[in-house]
């Protein structure tokens, strides 16, 4: 499970730079594994409704 480190990430160059670094680190993973790290595990742990998660993903595109 990935968790951001704001506001520390601001000191490291900002959210975009940190997000790009995380993307680079996770690039070797299979797409499904990457999705688990970036949201799937947290959704299960916190009991987030999958339909709400899907709606948020669609709205972000």
N, C-alpha and C. Protein backbone atom coordinates (compact mmCIF):
# COMPACT_ATOMS: atom_id res chain seq x y z
N UNK A 1 0.86 -1.17 0.00
CA UNK A 1 0.00 0.00 0.00
C UNK A 1 0.90 1.23 0.00
N UNK A 2 0.65 2.15 -0.91
CA UNK A 2 1.40 3.39 -0.99
C UNK A 2 0.69 4.46 -0.18
N UNK A 3 1.46 5.25 0.51
CA UNK A 3 0.91 6.41 1.22
C UNK A 3 1.79 7.61 0.94
N UNK A 4 1.18 8.70 0.60
CA UNK A 4 1.94 9.91 0.33
C UNK A 4 2.56 10.47 1.61
N UNK A 5 3.52 11.32 1.45
CA UNK A 5 4.18 11.91 2.61
C UNK A 5 4.10 13.43 2.62
N UNK A 6 2.99 13.95 2.09
CA UNK A 6 2.79 15.39 2.14
C UNK A 6 2.76 15.81 3.60
N UNK A 7 3.36 16.85 4.02
CA UNK A 7 3.98 17.95 3.26
C UNK A 7 5.46 17.74 2.96
N UNK A 8 6.04 16.63 3.40
CA UNK A 8 7.45 16.39 3.15
C UNK A 8 7.74 16.32 1.65
N UNK A 9 6.81 15.79 0.88
CA UNK A 9 7.04 15.70 -0.57
C UNK A 9 7.22 17.08 -1.19
N UNK A 10 6.64 18.10 -0.59
CA UNK A 10 6.82 19.46 -1.09
C UNK A 10 8.30 19.84 -0.99
N UNK A 11 8.94 19.43 0.10
CA UNK A 11 10.36 19.72 0.27
C UNK A 11 11.23 18.93 -0.70
N UNK A 12 10.72 17.80 -1.17
CA UNK A 12 11.48 16.94 -2.08
C UNK A 12 11.28 17.33 -3.55
N UNK A 13 10.59 18.40 -3.80
CA UNK A 13 10.42 18.85 -5.17
C UNK A 13 8.98 18.92 -5.63
N UNK A 14 8.05 18.60 -4.76
CA UNK A 14 6.63 18.71 -5.10
C UNK A 14 5.99 17.37 -5.42
N UNK A 15 4.68 17.40 -5.42
CA UNK A 15 3.90 16.18 -5.62
C UNK A 15 4.20 15.52 -6.96
N UNK A 16 4.32 16.31 -8.02
CA UNK A 16 4.56 15.74 -9.35
C UNK A 16 5.87 14.97 -9.38
N UNK A 17 6.90 15.54 -8.81
CA UNK A 17 8.20 14.86 -8.80
C UNK A 17 8.13 13.55 -8.00
N UNK A 18 7.48 13.59 -6.86
CA UNK A 18 7.35 12.39 -6.03
C UNK A 18 6.51 11.35 -6.75
N UNK A 19 5.42 11.76 -7.38
CA UNK A 19 4.55 10.83 -8.10
C UNK A 19 5.30 10.17 -9.25
N UNK A 20 6.10 10.93 -9.95
CA UNK A 20 6.91 10.37 -11.04
C UNK A 20 7.91 9.35 -10.50
N UNK A 21 8.53 9.64 -9.37
CA UNK A 21 9.49 8.71 -8.78
C UNK A 21 8.80 7.42 -8.35
N UNK A 22 7.62 7.54 -7.78
CA UNK A 22 6.86 6.34 -7.38
C UNK A 22 6.51 5.54 -8.63
N UNK A 23 6.10 6.21 -9.69
CA UNK A 23 5.80 5.53 -10.95
C UNK A 23 7.00 4.78 -11.49
N UNK A 24 8.16 5.40 -11.40
CA UNK A 24 9.39 4.73 -11.85
C UNK A 24 9.70 3.50 -11.01
N UNK A 25 9.52 3.62 -9.70
CA UNK A 25 9.78 2.48 -8.81
C UNK A 25 8.83 1.32 -9.04
N UNK A 26 7.59 1.65 -9.38
CA UNK A 26 6.58 0.60 -9.57
C UNK A 26 6.51 0.08 -11.01
N UNK A 27 7.22 0.71 -11.92
CA UNK A 27 7.16 0.34 -13.34
C UNK A 27 7.44 -1.14 -13.61
N UNK A 28 8.37 -1.78 -12.90
CA UNK A 28 8.62 -3.21 -13.17
C UNK A 28 7.46 -4.14 -12.79
N UNK A 29 6.53 -3.67 -11.99
CA UNK A 29 5.42 -4.51 -11.56
C UNK A 29 4.40 -4.70 -12.68
N UNK A 30 3.70 -5.80 -12.63
CA UNK A 30 2.59 -6.03 -13.55
C UNK A 30 1.50 -5.01 -13.26
N UNK A 31 0.70 -4.64 -14.26
CA UNK A 31 -0.35 -3.64 -14.05
C UNK A 31 -1.27 -3.94 -12.85
N UNK A 32 -1.67 -5.18 -12.69
CA UNK A 32 -2.55 -5.52 -11.56
C UNK A 32 -1.84 -5.31 -10.23
N UNK A 33 -0.57 -5.65 -10.16
CA UNK A 33 0.20 -5.45 -8.93
C UNK A 33 0.38 -3.97 -8.62
N UNK A 34 0.64 -3.18 -9.66
CA UNK A 34 0.75 -1.73 -9.50
C UNK A 34 -0.56 -1.15 -8.96
N UNK A 35 -1.67 -1.60 -9.51
CA UNK A 35 -2.98 -1.13 -9.06
C UNK A 35 -3.23 -1.49 -7.59
N UNK A 36 -2.74 -2.63 -7.16
CA UNK A 36 -2.89 -3.02 -5.76
C UNK A 36 -2.11 -2.08 -4.85
N UNK A 37 -0.88 -1.76 -5.24
CA UNK A 37 -0.05 -0.86 -4.44
C UNK A 37 -0.67 0.53 -4.39
N UNK A 38 -1.18 1.01 -5.50
CA UNK A 38 -1.66 2.38 -5.59
C UNK A 38 -3.11 2.59 -5.15
N UNK A 39 -3.81 1.53 -4.80
CA UNK A 39 -5.18 1.77 -4.35
C UNK A 39 -5.94 0.55 -3.90
N UNK A 40 -5.70 -0.58 -4.53
CA UNK A 40 -6.48 -1.77 -4.23
C UNK A 40 -6.38 -2.22 -2.78
N UNK A 41 -5.17 -2.25 -2.26
CA UNK A 41 -4.96 -2.68 -0.87
C UNK A 41 -5.64 -1.70 0.08
N UNK A 42 -5.47 -0.42 -0.14
CA UNK A 42 -6.09 0.59 0.73
C UNK A 42 -7.62 0.51 0.67
N UNK A 43 -8.15 0.29 -0.52
CA UNK A 43 -9.61 0.19 -0.66
C UNK A 43 -10.15 -0.97 0.16
N UNK A 44 -9.48 -2.10 0.12
CA UNK A 44 -9.93 -3.25 0.93
C UNK A 44 -9.75 -2.98 2.42
N UNK A 45 -8.60 -2.44 2.80
CA UNK A 45 -8.30 -2.19 4.21
C UNK A 45 -9.32 -1.23 4.82
N UNK A 46 -9.63 -0.14 4.09
CA UNK A 46 -10.54 0.87 4.61
C UNK A 46 -12.00 0.61 4.26
N UNK A 47 -12.26 -0.47 3.53
CA UNK A 47 -13.63 -0.83 3.19
C UNK A 47 -14.30 0.15 2.25
N UNK A 48 -13.54 0.69 1.30
CA UNK A 48 -14.09 1.64 0.33
C UNK A 48 -14.88 0.88 -0.73
N UNK A 49 -16.08 1.33 -0.99
CA UNK A 49 -16.96 0.71 -1.98
C UNK A 49 -16.31 0.78 -3.37
N UNK A 50 -16.17 -0.36 -4.01
CA UNK A 50 -15.52 -0.44 -5.32
C UNK A 50 -16.24 0.40 -6.37
N UNK A 51 -17.55 0.52 -6.31
CA UNK A 51 -18.27 1.32 -7.30
C UNK A 51 -17.93 2.81 -7.14
N UNK A 52 -17.71 3.26 -5.91
CA UNK A 52 -17.31 4.65 -5.69
C UNK A 52 -15.89 4.89 -6.21
N UNK A 53 -15.04 3.90 -6.01
CA UNK A 53 -13.67 3.99 -6.49
C UNK A 53 -13.64 4.06 -8.01
N UNK A 54 -14.44 3.21 -8.67
CA UNK A 54 -14.51 3.23 -10.14
C UNK A 54 -15.03 4.57 -10.64
N UNK A 55 -16.04 5.12 -9.96
CA UNK A 55 -16.62 6.40 -10.37
C UNK A 55 -15.57 7.52 -10.24
N UNK A 56 -14.78 7.47 -9.18
CA UNK A 56 -13.74 8.49 -8.98
C UNK A 56 -12.67 8.37 -10.06
N UNK A 57 -12.31 7.15 -10.42
CA UNK A 57 -11.31 6.97 -11.49
C UNK A 57 -11.82 7.52 -12.81
N UNK A 58 -13.09 7.24 -13.13
CA UNK A 58 -13.67 7.73 -14.38
C UNK A 58 -13.76 9.25 -14.39
N UNK A 59 -14.08 9.84 -13.25
CA UNK A 59 -14.19 11.30 -13.17
C UNK A 59 -12.83 11.96 -13.32
N UNK A 60 -11.76 11.27 -12.93
CA UNK A 60 -10.42 11.83 -13.00
C UNK A 60 -9.84 11.83 -14.41
N UNK A 61 -10.45 11.07 -15.30
CA UNK A 61 -9.92 10.97 -16.68
C UNK A 61 -10.32 12.11 -17.53
